[in-house]
Protein backbone atom coordinates (compact mmCIF):
# COMPACT_ATOMS: atom_id res chain seq x y z
CA MET A 1 7.95 -6.09 13.71
CA PRO A 2 7.49 -4.64 10.20
CA LYS A 3 5.68 -6.63 7.58
CA LYS A 4 7.68 -8.27 4.83
CA ALA A 5 8.23 -5.93 1.91
CA LYS A 6 6.34 -5.91 -1.33
CA LYS A 7 9.02 -6.01 -3.98
CA GLN A 8 6.74 -6.37 -6.99
CA GLN A 9 5.55 -3.15 -8.58
CA PRO A 10 1.86 -2.67 -7.82
CA ALA A 11 -0.53 -1.57 -10.55
CA GLY A 12 -0.66 2.20 -10.59
CA GLY A 13 2.78 2.55 -9.02
CA THR A 14 4.22 5.97 -8.34
CA PRO A 15 7.72 7.30 -9.09
CA ALA A 16 8.54 6.67 -5.40
CA THR A 17 7.55 2.99 -5.51
CA VAL A 18 9.29 2.58 -8.86
CA ALA A 19 12.49 4.05 -7.36
CA LEU A 20 12.32 1.73 -4.35
CA THR A 21 11.65 -1.32 -6.50
CA ALA A 22 14.55 -0.40 -8.80
CA ALA A 23 16.83 0.02 -5.76
CA GLY A 24 15.83 -3.45 -4.54
CA VAL A 25 15.11 -2.27 -1.00
CA ASP A 26 12.52 -3.54 1.46
CA PHE A 27 9.39 -1.46 1.86
CA THR A 28 5.72 -1.95 2.60
CA LEU A 29 2.85 -0.08 0.98
CA HIS A 30 -0.15 1.09 3.00
CA ALA A 31 -3.20 2.26 1.05
CA TYR A 32 -6.19 3.96 2.65
CA ASP A 33 -9.21 5.93 1.51
CA HIS A 34 -8.18 9.59 1.47
CA ASP A 35 -10.75 12.03 2.87
CA PRO A 36 -10.40 15.37 1.03
CA GLY A 37 -12.06 17.09 4.00
CA HIS A 38 -9.48 15.98 6.56
CA PRO A 39 -7.52 18.99 7.89
CA SER A 40 -4.11 17.22 7.87
CA TYR A 41 -2.80 14.78 5.29
CA GLY A 42 -0.21 13.37 7.70
CA GLU A 43 -2.54 12.97 10.67
CA GLU A 44 -5.08 11.35 8.38
CA ALA A 45 -2.45 8.82 7.26
CA ALA A 46 -1.44 8.05 10.86
CA GLU A 47 -5.07 7.55 11.90
CA ALA A 48 -5.94 5.44 8.85
CA MET A 49 -2.93 3.15 9.35
CA GLY A 50 -3.20 3.02 13.14
CA VAL A 51 0.39 4.24 13.44
CA SER A 52 1.73 6.72 15.99
CA PRO A 53 2.08 10.22 14.44
CA ASP A 54 5.73 10.31 15.52
CA ARG A 55 6.42 7.45 13.04
CA VAL A 56 4.60 9.08 10.12
CA PHE A 57 6.70 11.74 8.43
CA LYS A 58 5.56 14.56 6.16
CA THR A 59 7.57 15.84 3.24
CA LEU A 60 7.81 19.62 3.05
CA VAL A 61 9.59 21.72 0.45
CA ALA A 62 11.35 24.86 1.60
CA ASP A 63 13.53 27.51 0.00
CA VAL A 64 16.93 27.70 1.70
CA ASP A 65 18.86 30.70 0.40
CA GLY A 66 17.35 30.26 -3.06
CA THR A 67 17.69 26.46 -3.21
CA LEU A 68 14.61 24.25 -2.94
CA THR A 69 15.22 21.78 -0.13
CA VAL A 70 13.16 18.85 1.14
CA ALA A 71 12.48 18.58 4.87
CA VAL A 72 11.12 15.30 6.23
CA VAL A 73 9.62 15.70 9.71
CA PRO A 74 7.14 13.82 11.93
CA VAL A 75 3.50 14.78 11.40
CA ALA A 76 3.26 15.08 15.19
CA GLY A 77 5.47 18.18 15.02
CA SER A 78 6.33 21.10 12.81
CA LEU A 79 9.34 22.20 10.81
CA ASP A 80 11.86 24.51 12.48
CA LEU A 81 12.93 26.69 9.54
CA LYS A 82 16.02 28.05 11.32
CA ALA A 83 17.20 24.53 12.11
CA LEU A 84 16.55 23.49 8.50
CA ALA A 85 18.59 26.41 7.18
CA ALA A 86 21.48 25.52 9.48
CA ALA A 87 21.32 21.81 8.57
CA ALA A 88 21.31 22.67 4.86
CA GLY A 89 24.28 25.01 5.26
CA GLY A 90 22.23 28.14 4.67
CA LYS A 91 21.21 31.25 6.55
CA ARG A 92 17.48 31.58 5.86
CA ALA A 93 14.66 29.21 5.05
CA ALA A 94 11.05 29.78 4.13
CA MET A 95 8.34 27.45 2.90
CA ALA A 96 8.42 27.12 -0.88
CA ASP A 97 5.54 28.23 -3.06
CA PRO A 98 3.21 25.17 -3.23
CA THR A 99 2.88 25.38 -7.03
CA LEU A 100 6.67 25.48 -7.43
CA ALA A 101 7.03 22.53 -5.01
CA GLU A 102 4.51 20.50 -7.02
CA ARG A 103 6.09 21.37 -10.36
CA THR A 104 9.63 20.64 -9.16
CA THR A 105 8.87 17.35 -7.38
CA GLY A 106 6.24 16.05 -9.80
CA TYR A 107 3.85 15.34 -6.94
CA VAL A 108 0.73 17.08 -5.64
CA ARG A 109 0.62 18.71 -2.22
CA GLY A 110 -0.33 16.12 0.38
CA GLY A 111 1.28 13.44 -1.78
CA ILE A 112 4.84 14.72 -2.10
CA SER A 113 7.26 11.89 -1.48
CA PRO A 114 10.92 12.34 -0.58
CA LEU A 115 11.63 9.59 -3.16
CA GLY A 116 11.29 9.55 -6.94
CA GLN A 117 11.04 13.30 -7.35
CA ARG A 118 11.18 14.80 -10.84
CA LYS A 119 14.22 16.84 -9.78
CA LYS A 120 16.40 15.49 -6.98
CA LEU A 121 16.50 18.09 -4.23
CA PRO A 122 18.78 18.36 -1.19
CA THR A 123 17.03 16.54 1.66
CA VAL A 124 17.15 16.86 5.43
CA LEU A 125 15.57 14.10 7.53
CA ASP A 126 14.68 14.87 11.12
CA ALA A 127 17.04 12.97 13.42
CA SER A 128 14.11 11.54 15.41
CA ALA A 129 13.52 9.14 12.50
CA THR A 130 16.47 7.06 13.63
CA THR A 131 14.71 6.21 16.91
CA HIS A 132 12.28 4.00 14.95
CA ALA A 133 12.91 0.70 13.15
CA THR A 134 10.62 1.91 10.35
CA ILE A 135 8.90 5.14 9.44
CA CYS A 136 6.12 5.99 6.98
CA VAL A 137 6.33 8.64 4.27
CA SER A 138 4.13 9.47 1.32
CA ALA A 139 4.40 7.01 -1.54
CA GLY A 140 3.61 9.76 -4.02
CA ARG A 141 -0.12 10.23 -3.86
CA ARG A 142 -2.74 11.00 -1.27
CA GLY A 143 -3.96 7.81 0.39
CA LEU A 144 -0.76 5.84 -0.21
CA GLU A 145 2.09 5.60 2.28
CA LEU A 146 5.24 3.56 2.24
CA GLU A 147 7.00 2.12 5.27
CA LEU A 148 10.76 1.66 5.26
CA SER A 149 13.76 1.96 7.50
CA PRO A 150 14.92 5.53 8.14
CA THR A 151 18.45 4.46 7.18
CA THR A 152 17.22 3.29 3.78
CA LEU A 153 15.35 6.57 3.26
CA ALA A 154 18.42 8.61 4.25
CA ASP A 155 20.67 6.57 1.96
CA LEU A 156 18.40 6.79 -1.08
CA THR A 157 17.76 10.52 -0.72
CA GLU A 158 21.33 11.28 0.41
CA ALA A 159 19.72 13.08 3.32
CA VAL A 160 21.42 15.01 6.06
CA LEU A 161 20.18 13.86 9.48
CA ALA A 162 19.52 16.79 11.81
CA PRO A 163 17.06 17.90 14.51
CA ILE A 164 14.77 20.05 12.34
CA ALA A 165 11.39 19.36 13.97
CA ARG A 166 9.63 21.10 16.85
CA ALA A 167 7.05 19.41 19.05
């Protein structure tokens, strides 16, 4: 059973938490001490929170036929670029340049959230998210995750739900 949401804006809030608070939706923040030496931001978050890696989702930015597109997939898997292209209505997808992704979203790599981005990008959420009551995504900085229902995330980001992850 998920914890009751924190609706008040915490000190040092991020654009993602501000967006969720403004939308009036339920979410829970999880803070942990980020280890810069950890090889995977997502796996680190799952370990630190004691949450299964299939419930922690990473936010990746890809270029689909010239359009930056957000892909949200479980940290336990990887992004299927062909599936992303198809889900986004394109032909080809490639990972976006990290500097461009940071500049466009307003977040640093390892802390990119699908919410509260500087420029709203088309978003595709892996369909496996709907098998969970709640999922965790970056809250907008390394060491801070937010937990919310996948339906809420899909609604707020206007995401397409599609099978875009590989095991």
